[in-house]
Protein backbone atom coordinates (compact mmCIF):
# COMPACT_ATOMS: atom_id res chain seq x y z
CA UNK A 1 131.50 120.45 38.33
CA UNK A 2 133.43 117.97 36.13
CA UNK A 3 136.49 119.19 34.26
CA UNK A 4 137.66 118.31 30.76
CA UNK A 5 141.31 118.74 29.79
CA UNK A 6 142.08 119.30 26.09
CA UNK A 7 145.67 118.56 25.08
CA UNK A 8 146.55 119.96 21.64
CA UNK A 9 149.58 121.88 20.39
CA UNK A 10 147.36 123.67 17.87
CA UNK A 11 146.29 126.48 20.16
CA UNK A 12 143.61 127.79 17.82
CA UNK A 13 141.99 124.39 17.50
CA UNK A 14 142.23 123.84 21.26
CA UNK A 15 140.52 127.19 21.87
CA UNK A 16 137.57 126.46 19.58
CA UNK A 17 137.24 122.89 20.84
CA UNK A 18 137.09 124.18 24.42
CA UNK A 19 134.56 126.85 23.50
CA UNK A 20 132.32 124.36 21.69
CA UNK A 21 132.42 121.88 24.58
CA UNK A 22 131.52 124.56 27.11
CA UNK A 23 128.60 125.52 24.87
CA UNK A 24 127.38 121.98 24.20
CA UNK A 25 128.01 120.18 27.52
CA UNK A 26 126.21 121.81 30.48
CA UNK A 27 128.15 122.44 33.69
CA UNK A 28 131.49 121.39 32.23
CA UNK A 29 134.69 123.24 33.04
CA UNK A 30 137.20 123.05 30.17
CA UNK A 31 140.94 123.69 30.42
CA UNK A 32 143.70 123.27 27.85
CA UNK A 33 147.33 122.23 27.64
CA UNK A 34 149.67 122.46 24.66
CA UNK A 35 152.20 119.77 25.61
CA UNK A 36 152.42 116.49 27.50
CA UNK A 37 154.42 118.26 30.19
CA UNK A 38 151.66 120.84 30.68
CA UNK A 39 149.05 118.08 30.65
CA UNK A 40 150.79 116.24 33.51
CA UNK A 41 150.89 119.41 35.62
CA UNK A 42 147.29 120.28 34.84
CA UNK A 43 146.12 116.73 35.58
CA UNK A 44 147.65 116.82 39.06
CA UNK A 45 146.26 120.29 39.77
CA UNK A 46 142.73 119.86 38.34
CA UNK A 47 141.96 116.10 38.34
CA UNK A 48 139.99 116.26 35.06
CA UNK A 49 137.16 113.76 34.59
CA UNK A 50 137.78 113.70 30.83
CA UNK A 51 141.07 114.07 28.94
CA UNK A 52 140.87 114.78 25.20
CA UNK A 53 144.26 114.51 23.53
CA UNK A 54 145.46 114.89 19.97
CA UNK A 55 147.53 111.86 18.99
CA UNK A 56 150.44 113.89 17.60
CA UNK A 57 151.85 116.37 20.09
CA UNK A 58 155.01 118.45 20.04
CA UNK A 59 156.62 116.45 22.85
CA UNK A 60 154.92 113.05 22.53
CA UNK A 61 151.60 111.52 21.57
CA UNK A 62 148.17 111.22 23.09
CA UNK A 63 148.26 107.45 23.41
CA UNK A 64 151.36 107.45 25.60
CA UNK A 65 150.01 110.43 27.54
CA UNK A 66 146.75 108.59 28.28
CA UNK A 67 148.71 105.57 29.50
CA UNK A 68 150.84 107.75 31.79
CA UNK A 69 147.91 109.73 33.18
CA UNK A 70 145.84 106.66 34.02
CA UNK A 71 148.06 106.03 37.05
CA UNK A 72 147.29 109.56 38.26
CA UNK A 73 143.66 109.67 37.10
CA UNK A 74 142.32 106.09 37.38
CA UNK A 75 138.68 107.23 37.21
CA UNK A 76 139.12 109.53 34.21
CA UNK A 77 138.00 108.93 30.64
CA UNK A 78 140.42 109.39 27.76
CA UNK A 79 139.49 110.38 24.22
CA UNK A 80 142.07 110.39 21.42
CA UNK A 81 141.72 112.54 18.30
CA UNK A 82 143.75 112.11 15.14
CA UNK A 83 143.71 112.99 11.47
CA UNK A 84 145.03 109.54 10.59
CA UNK A 85 144.88 105.94 11.74
CA UNK A 86 146.75 105.30 14.96
CA UNK A 87 148.27 101.99 16.14
CA UNK A 88 145.69 99.76 17.78
CA UNK A 89 147.73 99.41 20.98
CA UNK A 90 147.74 103.21 21.33
CA UNK A 91 144.01 103.00 22.09
CA UNK A 92 144.25 100.46 24.90
CA UNK A 93 142.02 101.61 27.75
CA UNK A 94 140.81 104.65 25.80
CA UNK A 95 137.11 105.51 26.03
CA UNK A 96 136.76 107.03 22.57
CA UNK A 97 138.53 107.79 19.32
CA UNK A 98 137.51 110.45 16.78
CA UNK A 99 139.08 110.91 13.37
CA UNK A 100 139.52 114.45 12.06
CA UNK A 101 137.60 116.18 10.66
CA UNK A 102 134.66 115.59 12.98
CA UNK A 103 131.57 117.54 13.95
CA UNK A 104 131.71 119.42 17.25
CA UNK A 105 128.53 117.60 18.25
CA UNK A 106 130.28 114.21 17.89
CA UNK A 107 132.83 115.13 20.55
CA UNK A 108 130.16 116.67 22.77
CA UNK A 109 128.02 113.52 22.54
CA UNK A 110 131.01 111.33 23.39
CA UNK A 111 131.86 113.48 26.42
CA UNK A 112 128.23 113.48 27.61
CA UNK A 113 128.02 109.71 27.25
CA UNK A 114 131.28 109.28 29.13
CA UNK A 115 130.21 111.53 31.98
CA UNK A 116 126.94 109.65 32.39
CA UNK A 117 128.46 106.16 32.10
CA UNK A 118 130.25 103.99 34.60
CA UNK A 119 133.94 105.00 34.45
CA UNK A 120 135.23 101.69 33.15
CA UNK A 121 137.24 102.29 29.97
CA UNK A 122 136.12 99.97 27.17
CA UNK A 123 138.15 98.78 24.19
CA UNK A 124 137.88 100.90 21.04
CA UNK A 125 136.86 99.93 17.53
CA UNK A 126 138.22 102.15 14.76
CA UNK A 127 135.65 101.50 12.05
CA UNK A 128 138.09 102.56 9.34
CA UNK A 129 140.27 99.55 10.14
CA UNK A 130 139.64 95.82 9.55
CA UNK A 131 137.52 94.20 12.23
CA UNK A 132 139.42 92.56 15.06
CA UNK A 133 138.11 90.32 17.82
CA UNK A 134 137.53 92.32 20.99
CA UNK A 135 136.11 91.37 24.35
CA UNK A 136 133.60 93.55 26.20
CA UNK A 137 132.46 93.36 29.78
CA UNK A 138 129.08 94.57 30.97
CA UNK A 139 130.26 98.12 31.67
CA UNK A 140 131.81 98.37 28.21
CA UNK A 141 128.57 97.35 26.54
CA UNK A 142 126.64 99.90 28.58
CA UNK A 143 129.07 102.62 27.53
CA UNK A 144 128.70 101.66 23.87
CA UNK A 145 124.91 101.65 24.18
CA UNK A 146 124.97 105.07 25.88
CA UNK A 147 126.94 106.55 22.98
CA UNK A 148 124.60 104.94 20.45
CA UNK A 149 121.53 106.24 22.28
CA UNK A 150 122.91 109.78 22.36
CA UNK A 151 123.56 109.58 18.62
CA UNK A 152 120.07 108.30 17.84
CA UNK A 153 118.42 111.02 19.90
CA UNK A 154 120.55 113.71 18.25
CA UNK A 155 119.66 112.33 14.81
CA UNK A 156 115.96 112.28 15.72
CA UNK A 157 116.05 115.91 16.89
CA UNK A 158 117.99 117.07 13.84
CA UNK A 159 115.72 115.27 11.34
CA UNK A 160 112.53 116.51 12.99
CA UNK A 161 113.85 120.08 12.86
CA UNK A 162 114.34 119.87 9.09
CA UNK A 163 111.33 117.84 7.91
CA UNK A 164 108.91 120.79 7.69
CA UNK A 165 106.27 118.60 9.36
CA UNK A 166 106.40 115.90 6.70
CA UNK A 167 104.02 113.29 8.12
CA UNK A 168 105.73 110.40 6.33
CA UNK A 169 109.15 111.30 7.77
CA UNK A 170 107.62 111.75 11.23
CA UNK A 171 106.03 108.30 11.07
CA UNK A 172 109.38 106.76 10.06
CA UNK A 173 111.15 108.49 12.95
CA UNK A 174 108.48 107.37 15.42
CA UNK A 175 108.64 103.79 14.15
CA UNK A 176 112.37 103.28 13.82
CA UNK A 177 114.38 105.75 15.92
CA UNK A 178 111.97 105.79 18.85
CA UNK A 179 111.75 101.99 18.71
CA UNK A 180 115.53 101.55 18.58
CA UNK A 181 116.03 103.99 21.46
CA UNK A 182 113.53 102.09 23.58
CA UNK A 183 115.24 98.80 22.77
CA UNK A 184 118.67 100.17 23.66
CA UNK A 185 117.40 101.49 26.99
CA UNK A 186 115.80 98.11 27.76
CA UNK A 187 119.01 96.19 27.00
CA UNK A 188 121.02 98.64 29.10
CA UNK A 189 118.61 98.23 32.02
CA UNK A 190 118.88 94.43 31.75
CA UNK A 191 122.69 94.62 31.85
CA UNK A 192 122.59 96.95 34.86
CA UNK A 193 120.10 94.67 36.66
CA UNK A 194 121.86 91.38 35.97
CA UNK A 195 125.45 92.64 36.22
CA UNK A 196 128.40 91.57 34.05
CA UNK A 197 128.31 87.92 33.03
CA UNK A 198 131.76 87.50 31.64
CA UNK A 199 133.03 88.71 28.30
CA UNK A 200 130.69 89.32 25.39
CA UNK A 201 132.22 88.67 21.98
């Protein structure tokens, strides 16, 4: 059973985040830590597959913590959460970044995508910031596609549940979301079959 470690000095928020993840991600064990010091101890004792850290912590920040833990947990995925923009270099090697406030489902989808993807941490794009040139290898692209596919499927399920059987909406969903999902899966299969071919810009 994979383990997720939540590092947040807001104990109430950490509790509800843990509860929501355990509800939304099947077969996931969730533990918490309030400080960087606790996170280091917990990482050595539990070897979490996913580490979710708030950027601002009482004794440090999530970006530095992720950098330190990568030497102990080279196969783990790191997700940073913050209520504000963080320095770009703080997200080096991080799998995901979520800006508060966010829906519980957004974090759950990111964790699910990370657990199902090849553990190769891709660069991060913070869409609230100006675009910068990034390089992606094959694994990174697959991870991005996995997250996108999860989001499309969640959107499809949510919209169908609230359309009251509107035939026009159903036709749109079948045409666009189903088509996009199929295309994403095909591209992902092609990448997996052919292997990385250098950086994709």
